[in-house]
Each structure stands twice: as C-alpha cells, then as structure tokens.
C-alpha cells in the first residue's frame, strides 16, 4: 500500500466532523479501496478518532466509553463498574472480544459511582450518556 495514500486517508479521518465518520469511511472505500481502509494503520486511526470523540459501545443496557482513561496500549477498553474488558471493532458498534475482569473492591469508588449515576439519570438522557473512568486514589 502506498504510504502517501494511507497518510491522506488518516488525515481525512482525523479531520472528519463528529457524526460523519461512517459516511466518510464509506466514501474512502470507494475512492481508495477496501484494502487501504482495512489496514492496521487506518484502523488504529479510526479507533483514535473514536476515543477522541468518546464513542459509546452498547453492552446490553449499559455503555462503555471509548477514551484514553478507559483504554490500555493494546486497544482494550475497561469498565470497572461493569467489570468488563472489551476490544471494539473500529467503525462499528460491535466488539471483537468481551471478557469479565476482576476488580478490587473499593467502597469510595463504588460510592462515587452510585452518586454519579443518580446525578446522570436525573439530569441527562440515558441513551446518550454514560459514566466511566479510572478511579485511583
């Protein structure tokens, strides 16, 4: 694959307005071909875009937020409260892997989460909001 084409595609993805990623990627598939979009470099750029824009992945009735605070260097995302580790498929609402994880009991973290949840449920639309993060004290 031509490195210049990949750099242009990555730039276009990075500069895509919120809410338009799917249509931009569909157009890029037509313009440059599926194999470029399916390259690891481009998939990583899509995942970075989704993290930067705090995309939500639905897991049952709950959501996991894709962000720097919930990810590791291997492309996995964690939710301490749902006790899940997921590996999302870039530009999709699906996950490649879903695992249950062990989380240390922490009463302060759990108390904060329950208070945040009450506040969120009272003040925000449930279908577009979520609470997540790394709580380390």
C-alpha atoms as a PDB file:
ATOM      1  CA  UNK A   1       0.000   0.000   0.000  1.00  0.00           C
ATOM      2  CA  UNK A   2       1.159   3.461  -0.840  1.00  0.00           C
ATOM      3  CA  UNK A   3       2.256   5.278   2.374  1.00  0.00           C
ATOM      4  CA  UNK A   4       1.160   8.629   0.961  1.00  0.00           C
ATOM      5  CA  UNK A   5      -2.381   7.335   0.365  1.00  0.00           C
ATOM      6  CA  UNK A   6      -2.522   5.939   3.893  1.00  0.00           C
ATOM      7  CA  UNK A   7      -1.365   9.288   5.323  1.00  0.00           C
ATOM      8  CA  UNK A   8      -4.037  11.145   3.345  1.00  0.00           C
ATOM      9  CA  UNK A   9      -6.733   8.703   4.496  1.00  0.00           C
ATOM     10  CA  UNK A  10      -5.579   9.053   8.116  1.00  0.00           C
ATOM     11  CA  UNK A  11      -5.696  12.849   7.817  1.00  0.00           C
ATOM     12  CA  UNK A  12      -9.216  12.768   6.365  1.00  0.00           C
ATOM     13  CA  UNK A  13     -10.395  10.511   9.190  1.00  0.00           C
ATOM     14  CA  UNK A  14      -8.772  12.743  11.807  1.00  0.00           C
ATOM     15  CA  UNK A  15     -10.483  15.836  10.378  1.00  0.00           C
ATOM     16  CA  UNK A  16     -13.936  14.251   9.960  1.00  0.00           C
ATOM     17  CA  UNK A  17     -16.707  16.217  11.705  1.00  0.00           C
ATOM     18  CA  UNK A  18     -18.496  14.455  14.539  1.00  0.00           C
ATOM     19  CA  UNK A  19     -21.302  12.227  13.288  1.00  0.00           C
ATOM     20  CA  UNK A  20     -19.901  11.843   9.772  1.00  0.00           C
ATOM     21  CA  UNK A  21     -17.289   9.115  10.235  1.00  0.00           C
ATOM     22  CA  UNK A  22     -19.329   6.303   8.683  1.00  0.00           C
ATOM     23  CA  UNK A  23     -20.143   8.256   5.502  1.00  0.00           C
ATOM     24  CA  UNK A  24     -16.518   9.438   5.154  1.00  0.00           C
ATOM     25  CA  UNK A  25     -15.207   5.892   5.500  1.00  0.00           C
ATOM     26  CA  UNK A  26     -17.796   4.578   3.034  1.00  0.00           C
ATOM     27  CA  UNK A  27     -16.651   7.230   0.535  1.00  0.00           C
ATOM     28  CA  UNK A  28     -12.982   6.437   1.159  1.00  0.00           C
ATOM     29  CA  UNK A  29     -13.619   2.737   0.489  1.00  0.00           C
ATOM     30  CA  UNK A  30     -14.936   3.688  -2.947  1.00  0.00           C
ATOM     31  CA  UNK A  31     -12.116   6.161  -3.653  1.00  0.00           C
ATOM     32  CA  UNK A  32      -9.073   4.238  -2.407  1.00  0.00           C
ATOM     33  CA  UNK A  33     -10.324   0.685  -1.966  1.00  0.00           C
ATOM     34  CA  UNK A  34     -11.264  -1.588   0.897  1.00  0.00           C
ATOM     35  CA  UNK A  35      -7.722  -2.863   1.459  1.00  0.00           C
ATOM     36  CA  UNK A  36      -6.486   0.601   2.476  1.00  0.00           C
ATOM     37  CA  UNK A  37      -9.328   1.084   4.962  1.00  0.00           C
ATOM     38  CA  UNK A  38      -8.729  -2.407   6.363  1.00  0.00           C
ATOM     39  CA  UNK A  39      -5.031  -1.734   7.027  1.00  0.00           C
ATOM     40  CA  UNK A  40      -3.925  -1.698  10.662  1.00  0.00           C
ATOM     41  CA  UNK A  41      -2.688   1.899  10.404  1.00  0.00           C
ATOM     42  CA  UNK A  42      -6.086   3.157   9.242  1.00  0.00           C
ATOM     43  CA  UNK A  43      -7.978   1.005  11.764  1.00  0.00           C
ATOM     44  CA  UNK A  44      -5.803   2.469  14.534  1.00  0.00           C
ATOM     45  CA  UNK A  45      -6.581   5.986  13.280  1.00  0.00           C
ATOM     46  CA  UNK A  46     -10.318   5.213  13.327  1.00  0.00           C
ATOM     47  CA  UNK A  47     -10.030   3.888  16.878  1.00  0.00           C
ATOM     48  CA  UNK A  48      -8.093   7.017  17.897  1.00  0.00           C
ATOM     49  CA  UNK A  49     -10.848   9.165  16.371  1.00  0.00           C
ATOM     50  CA  UNK A  50     -13.483   7.212  18.312  1.00  0.00           C
ATOM     51  CA  UNK A  51     -11.503   7.616  21.548  1.00  0.00           C
ATOM     52  CA  UNK A  52     -11.018  11.342  20.959  1.00  0.00           C
ATOM     53  CA  UNK A  53     -14.777  11.749  20.457  1.00  0.00           C
ATOM     54  CA  UNK A  54     -15.742   9.479  23.381  1.00  0.00           C
ATOM     55  CA  UNK A  55     -17.735   6.963  21.393  1.00  0.00           C
ATOM     56  CA  UNK A  56     -20.076   4.721  23.398  1.00  0.00           C
ATOM     57  CA  UNK A  57     -20.248   0.982  22.781  1.00  0.00           C
ATOM     58  CA  UNK A  58     -23.520  -0.608  23.886  1.00  0.00           C
ATOM     59  CA  UNK A  59     -23.127  -3.693  26.036  1.00  0.00           C
ATOM     60  CA  UNK A  60     -26.645  -4.852  26.789  1.00  0.00           C
ATOM     61  CA  UNK A  61     -28.404  -1.970  28.553  1.00  0.00           C
ATOM     62  CA  UNK A  62     -25.097  -0.374  29.552  1.00  0.00           C
ATOM     63  CA  UNK A  63     -22.430   1.540  27.667  1.00  0.00           C
ATOM     64  CA  UNK A  64     -18.659   1.526  27.691  1.00  0.00           C
ATOM     65  CA  UNK A  65     -16.988   4.799  26.802  1.00  0.00           C
ATOM     66  CA  UNK A  66     -14.014   4.645  24.466  1.00  0.00           C
ATOM     67  CA  UNK A  67     -11.498   7.112  25.866  1.00  0.00           C
ATOM     68  CA  UNK A  68      -7.882   7.451  26.893  1.00  0.00           C
ATOM     69  CA  UNK A  69      -8.991   6.976  30.506  1.00  0.00           C
ATOM     70  CA  UNK A  70     -10.559   3.598  29.816  1.00  0.00           C
ATOM     71  CA  UNK A  71      -8.009   2.101  27.419  1.00  0.00           C
ATOM     72  CA  UNK A  72      -4.673   0.361  27.504  1.00  0.00           C
ATOM     73  CA  UNK A  73      -1.835   0.235  24.971  1.00  0.00           C
ATOM     74  CA  UNK A  74      -3.239  -2.966  23.382  1.00  0.00           C
ATOM     75  CA  UNK A  75      -6.534  -1.450  22.218  1.00  0.00           C
ATOM     76  CA  UNK A  76      -8.592  -2.873  25.074  1.00  0.00           C
ATOM     77  CA  UNK A  77     -11.146  -0.793  26.958  1.00  0.00           C
ATOM     78  CA  UNK A  78     -12.232  -1.355  30.554  1.00  0.00           C
ATOM     79  CA  UNK A  79     -15.245  -0.619  32.670  1.00  0.00           C
ATOM     80  CA  UNK A  80     -14.540  -1.051  36.373  1.00  0.00           C
ATOM     81  CA  UNK A  81     -18.206  -0.938  37.304  1.00  0.00           C
ATOM     82  CA  UNK A  82     -19.473  -3.440  34.749  1.00  0.00           C
ATOM     83  CA  UNK A  83     -16.264  -5.437  35.355  1.00  0.00           C
ATOM     84  CA  UNK A  84     -15.675  -5.829  31.622  1.00  0.00           C
ATOM     85  CA  UNK A  85     -12.807  -5.635  29.170  1.00  0.00           C
ATOM     86  CA  UNK A  86     -13.714  -5.154  25.513  1.00  0.00           C
ATOM     87  CA  UNK A  87     -11.852  -4.885  22.253  1.00  0.00           C
ATOM     88  CA  UNK A  88     -14.061  -2.826  19.910  1.00  0.00           C
ATOM     89  CA  UNK A  89     -14.150  -3.192  16.152  1.00  0.00           C
ATOM     90  CA  UNK A  90     -13.229   0.218  14.656  1.00  0.00           C
ATOM     91  CA  UNK A  91     -16.098   1.984  12.855  1.00  0.00           C
ATOM     92  CA  UNK A  92     -18.597  -0.481  14.298  1.00  0.00           C
ATOM     93  CA  UNK A  93     -20.874  -0.752  17.308  1.00  0.00           C
ATOM     94  CA  UNK A  94     -19.654  -4.301  17.892  1.00  0.00           C
ATOM     95  CA  UNK A  95     -16.809  -5.706  19.951  1.00  0.00           C
ATOM     96  CA  UNK A  96     -14.241  -8.259  18.891  1.00  0.00           C
ATOM     97  CA  UNK A  97     -13.709  -9.629  22.405  1.00  0.00           C
ATOM     98  CA  UNK A  98     -15.667  -9.278  25.632  1.00  0.00           C
ATOM     99  CA  UNK A  99     -14.204 -10.539  28.904  1.00  0.00           C
ATOM    100  CA  UNK A 100     -15.163 -10.331  32.544  1.00  0.00           C
ATOM    101  CA  UNK A 101     -12.379  -8.925  34.733  1.00  0.00           C
ATOM    102  CA  UNK A 102     -11.634  -8.969  38.435  1.00  0.00           C
ATOM    103  CA  UNK A 103     -11.787  -5.551  40.083  1.00  0.00           C
ATOM    104  CA  UNK A 104     -10.598  -4.688  43.578  1.00  0.00           C
ATOM    105  CA  UNK A 105     -13.361  -3.798  45.987  1.00  0.00           C
ATOM    106  CA  UNK A 106     -13.256  -0.094  46.681  1.00  0.00           C
ATOM    107  CA  UNK A 107     -16.073   1.409  48.701  1.00  0.00           C
ATOM    108  CA  UNK A 108     -15.140   5.019  47.882  1.00  0.00           C
ATOM    109  CA  UNK A 109     -15.114   4.299  44.131  1.00  0.00           C
ATOM    110  CA  UNK A 110     -18.426   2.457  44.370  1.00  0.00           C
ATOM    111  CA  UNK A 111     -19.973   5.287  46.403  1.00  0.00           C
ATOM    112  CA  UNK A 112     -18.787   7.891  43.870  1.00  0.00           C
ATOM    113  CA  UNK A 113     -20.143   5.803  41.010  1.00  0.00           C
ATOM    114  CA  UNK A 114     -23.567   5.450  42.631  1.00  0.00           C
ATOM    115  CA  UNK A 115     -23.753   9.224  43.241  1.00  0.00           C
ATOM    116  CA  UNK A 116     -22.622   9.995  39.661  1.00  0.00           C
ATOM    117  CA  UNK A 117     -25.225   7.559  38.346  1.00  0.00           C
ATOM    118  CA  UNK A 118     -28.036   9.221  40.312  1.00  0.00           C
ATOM    119  CA  UNK A 119     -26.921  12.631  39.014  1.00  0.00           C
ATOM    120  CA  UNK A 120     -26.644  11.358  35.411  1.00  0.00           C
ATOM    121  CA  UNK A 121     -30.048   9.662  35.487  1.00  0.00           C
ATOM    122  CA  UNK A 122     -31.666  12.811  36.866  1.00  0.00           C
ATOM    123  CA  UNK A 123     -30.014  15.339  34.513  1.00  0.00           C
ATOM    124  CA  UNK A 124     -29.148  13.622  31.225  1.00  0.00           C
ATOM    125  CA  UNK A 125     -30.766  11.429  28.595  1.00  0.00           C
ATOM    126  CA  UNK A 126     -29.852   7.838  29.431  1.00  0.00           C
ATOM    127  CA  UNK A 127     -29.480   6.721  25.811  1.00  0.00           C
ATOM    128  CA  UNK A 128     -26.632   9.159  25.129  1.00  0.00           C
ATOM    129  CA  UNK A 129     -24.728   9.313  28.416  1.00  0.00           C
ATOM    130  CA  UNK A 130     -22.524   7.030  30.408  1.00  0.00           C
ATOM    131  CA  UNK A 131     -20.223   7.155  33.405  1.00  0.00           C
ATOM    132  CA  UNK A 132     -16.789   5.675  33.195  1.00  0.00           C
ATOM    133  CA  UNK A 133     -13.219   6.310  34.148  1.00  0.00           C
ATOM    134  CA  UNK A 134     -10.280   5.099  36.124  1.00  0.00           C
ATOM    135  CA  UNK A 135     -10.706   5.813  39.779  1.00  0.00           C
ATOM    136  CA  UNK A 136      -7.342   5.614  41.533  1.00  0.00           C
ATOM    137  CA  UNK A 137      -6.817   7.094  44.945  1.00  0.00           C
END
